[in-house]
C-alpha atoms as a PDB file:
ATOM      1  CA  MET A   1     115.300  98.278  84.582  1.00  0.00           C
ATOM      2  CA  MET A   2     114.323  99.427  87.773  1.00  0.00           C
ATOM      3  CA  GLU A   3     113.982  97.489  90.726  1.00  0.00           C
ATOM      4  CA  ASN A   4     110.816  97.806  91.504  1.00  0.00           C
ATOM      5  CA  GLU A   5     110.012  97.122  87.916  1.00  0.00           C
ATOM      6  CA  ALA A   6     111.623  93.721  88.030  1.00  0.00           C
ATOM      7  CA  VAL A   7     109.436  92.885  91.039  1.00  0.00           C
ATOM      8  CA  THR A   8     106.340  93.976  89.357  1.00  0.00           C
ATOM      9  CA  GLU A   9     107.864  91.966  86.092  1.00  0.00           C
ATOM     10  CA  PHE A  10     107.764  89.380  87.443  1.00  0.00           C
ATOM     11  CA  LEU A  11     104.535  89.208  89.830  1.00  0.00           C
ATOM     12  CA  LEU A  12     103.002  89.674  86.519  1.00  0.00           C
ATOM     13  CA  GLU A  13     104.872  86.151  84.410  1.00  0.00           C
ATOM     14  CA  ARG A  14     104.095  84.376  87.903  1.00  0.00           C
ATOM     15  CA  GLU A  15     100.477  85.760  87.351  1.00  0.00           C
ATOM     16  CA  GLY A  16     100.742  84.899  83.649  1.00  0.00           C
ATOM     17  CA  ALA A  17     102.009  81.131  84.299  1.00  0.00           C
ATOM     18  CA  VAL A  18      99.638  80.281  86.660  1.00  0.00           C
ATOM     19  CA  LEU A  19      96.465  81.535  84.798  1.00  0.00           C
ATOM     20  CA  ALA A  20      97.399  79.907  81.854  1.00  0.00           C
ATOM     21  CA  ALA A  21      97.905  76.489  83.632  1.00  0.00           C
ATOM     22  CA  VAL A  22      94.417  77.254  84.953  1.00  0.00           C
ATOM     23  CA  ALA A  23      93.065  77.124  81.389  1.00  0.00           C
ATOM     24  CA  GLU A  24      94.933  74.334  79.959  1.00  0.00           C
ATOM     25  CA  LEU A  25      93.952  72.097  83.481  1.00  0.00           C
ATOM     26  CA  CYS A  26      90.601  73.160  83.346  1.00  0.00           C
ATOM     27  CA  ALA A  27      90.121  72.131  79.866  1.00  0.00           C
ATOM     28  CA  GLN A  28      92.011  69.100  79.388  1.00  0.00           C
ATOM     29  CA  HIS A  29      90.072  67.662  82.869  1.00  0.00           C
ATOM     30  CA  ASP A  30      86.487  69.277  82.258  1.00  0.00           C
ATOM     31  CA  ARG A  31      86.327  70.590  85.965  1.00  0.00           C
ATOM     32  CA  PRO A  32      87.780  73.859  88.350  1.00  0.00           C
ATOM     33  CA  VAL A  33      90.816  72.418  89.588  1.00  0.00           C
ATOM     34  CA  GLY A  34      93.181  73.207  92.467  1.00  0.00           C
ATOM     35  CA  PRO A  35      95.819  74.951  93.947  1.00  0.00           C
ATOM     36  CA  THR A  36      98.593  72.117  94.325  1.00  0.00           C
ATOM     37  CA  GLU A  37      97.359  70.254  91.211  1.00  0.00           C
ATOM     38  CA  VAL A  38      98.222  73.976  89.692  1.00  0.00           C
ATOM     39  CA  GLY A  39     101.383  73.841  91.135  1.00  0.00           C
ATOM     40  CA  LEU A  40     102.085  70.174  89.963  1.00  0.00           C
ATOM     41  CA  TRP A  41     101.472  71.620  86.420  1.00  0.00           C
ATOM     42  CA  LEU A  42     103.948  74.272  86.992  1.00  0.00           C
ATOM     43  CA  GLY A  43     106.735  71.778  88.597  1.00  0.00           C
ATOM     44  CA  HIS A  44     106.723  72.643  92.000  1.00  0.00           C
ATOM     45  CA  HIS A  45     107.239  69.902  94.312  1.00  0.00           C
ATOM     46  CA  TYR A  46     103.949  68.398  95.920  1.00  0.00           C
ATOM     47  CA  ASN A  47     104.871  69.269  98.920  1.00  0.00           C
ATOM     48  CA  SER A  48     104.646  73.235  97.936  1.00  0.00           C
ATOM     49  CA  ALA A  49     102.215  73.374  94.917  1.00  0.00           C
ATOM     50  CA  SER A  50      99.166  74.912  96.979  1.00  0.00           C
ATOM     51  CA  SER A  51     101.232  77.059  99.189  1.00  0.00           C
ATOM     52  CA  ALA A  52     103.173  78.533  95.956  1.00  0.00           C
ATOM     53  CA  THR A  53     100.277  79.413  93.422  1.00  0.00           C
ATOM     54  CA  GLY A  54      97.836  79.941  96.766  1.00  0.00           C
ATOM     55  CA  PRO A  55      98.147  83.661  96.681  1.00  0.00           C
ATOM     56  CA  ILE A  56      98.631  83.849  92.997  1.00  0.00           C
ATOM     57  CA  LEU A  57      94.912  82.309  92.435  1.00  0.00           C
ATOM     58  CA  ASP A  58      94.304  84.605  94.697  1.00  0.00           C
ATOM     59  CA  ARG A  59      95.191  87.459  93.169  1.00  0.00           C
ATOM     60  CA  LEU A  60      93.717  86.429  90.071  1.00  0.00           C
ATOM     61  CA  VAL A  61      90.463  86.343  91.724  1.00  0.00           C
ATOM     62  CA  GLN A  62      90.480  89.975  92.777  1.00  0.00           C
ATOM     63  CA  ARG A  63      91.209  91.108  89.712  1.00  0.00           C
ATOM     64  CA  GLY A  64      88.294  89.582  87.996  1.00  0.00           C
ATOM     65  CA  LEU A  65      90.252  86.546  86.147  1.00  0.00           C
ATOM     66  CA  VAL A  66      89.276  83.290  87.834  1.00  0.00           C
ATOM     67  CA  GLU A  67      86.587  82.741  90.154  1.00  0.00           C
ATOM     68  CA  ARG A  68      86.813  80.453  93.092  1.00  0.00           C
ATOM     69  CA  MET A  69      84.125  77.799  93.365  1.00  0.00           C
ATOM     70  CA  PRO A  70      83.180  75.858  96.519  1.00  0.00           C
ATOM     71  CA  GLY A  71      85.854  73.254  97.754  1.00  0.00           C
ATOM     72  CA  GLY A  72      88.683  75.233  96.622  1.00  0.00           C
ATOM     73  CA  ASN A  73      89.222  75.116  93.239  1.00  0.00           C
ATOM     74  CA  TYR A  74      89.316  77.597  90.644  1.00  0.00           C
ATOM     75  CA  ARG A  75      88.259  77.649  86.454  1.00  0.00           C
ATOM     76  CA  LEU A  76      88.718  80.977  84.478  1.00  0.00           C
ATOM     77  CA  ALA A  77      86.282  83.591  85.049  1.00  0.00           C
ATOM     78  CA  GLN A  78      82.709  83.682  83.069  1.00  0.00           C
ATOM     79  CA  ARG A  79      84.140  86.204  80.602  1.00  0.00           C
ATOM     80  CA  LEU A  80      87.105  84.854  79.794  1.00  0.00           C
ATOM     81  CA  ARG A  81      86.120  81.041  79.148  1.00  0.00           C
ATOM     82  CA  GLY A  82      86.121  79.656  75.547  1.00  0.00           C
ATOM     83  CA  VAL A  83      88.944  82.871  75.095  1.00  0.00           C
ATOM     84  CA  GLU A  84      91.749  79.530  76.365  1.00  0.00           C
ATOM     85  CA  GLY A  85      90.475  77.195  72.835  1.00  0.00           C
END
């Protein structure tokens, strides 16, 4: 595998993990979740949880997969809600 392909695959895996975390946490708590919650759920330390997931959440927003809510929390995009169950 070429180096660029390996980087792309790594990034897509991280995005998939963050997307799955948002889906699971929103379903569990019945509310939008913050980047720190997502990072903690993925196993990041509290001090780095938000910075580890924030840029990925921004990319998912740009792709139309999650929505950023007022207050900085996130939920699945409307077109994906109901699919996670």
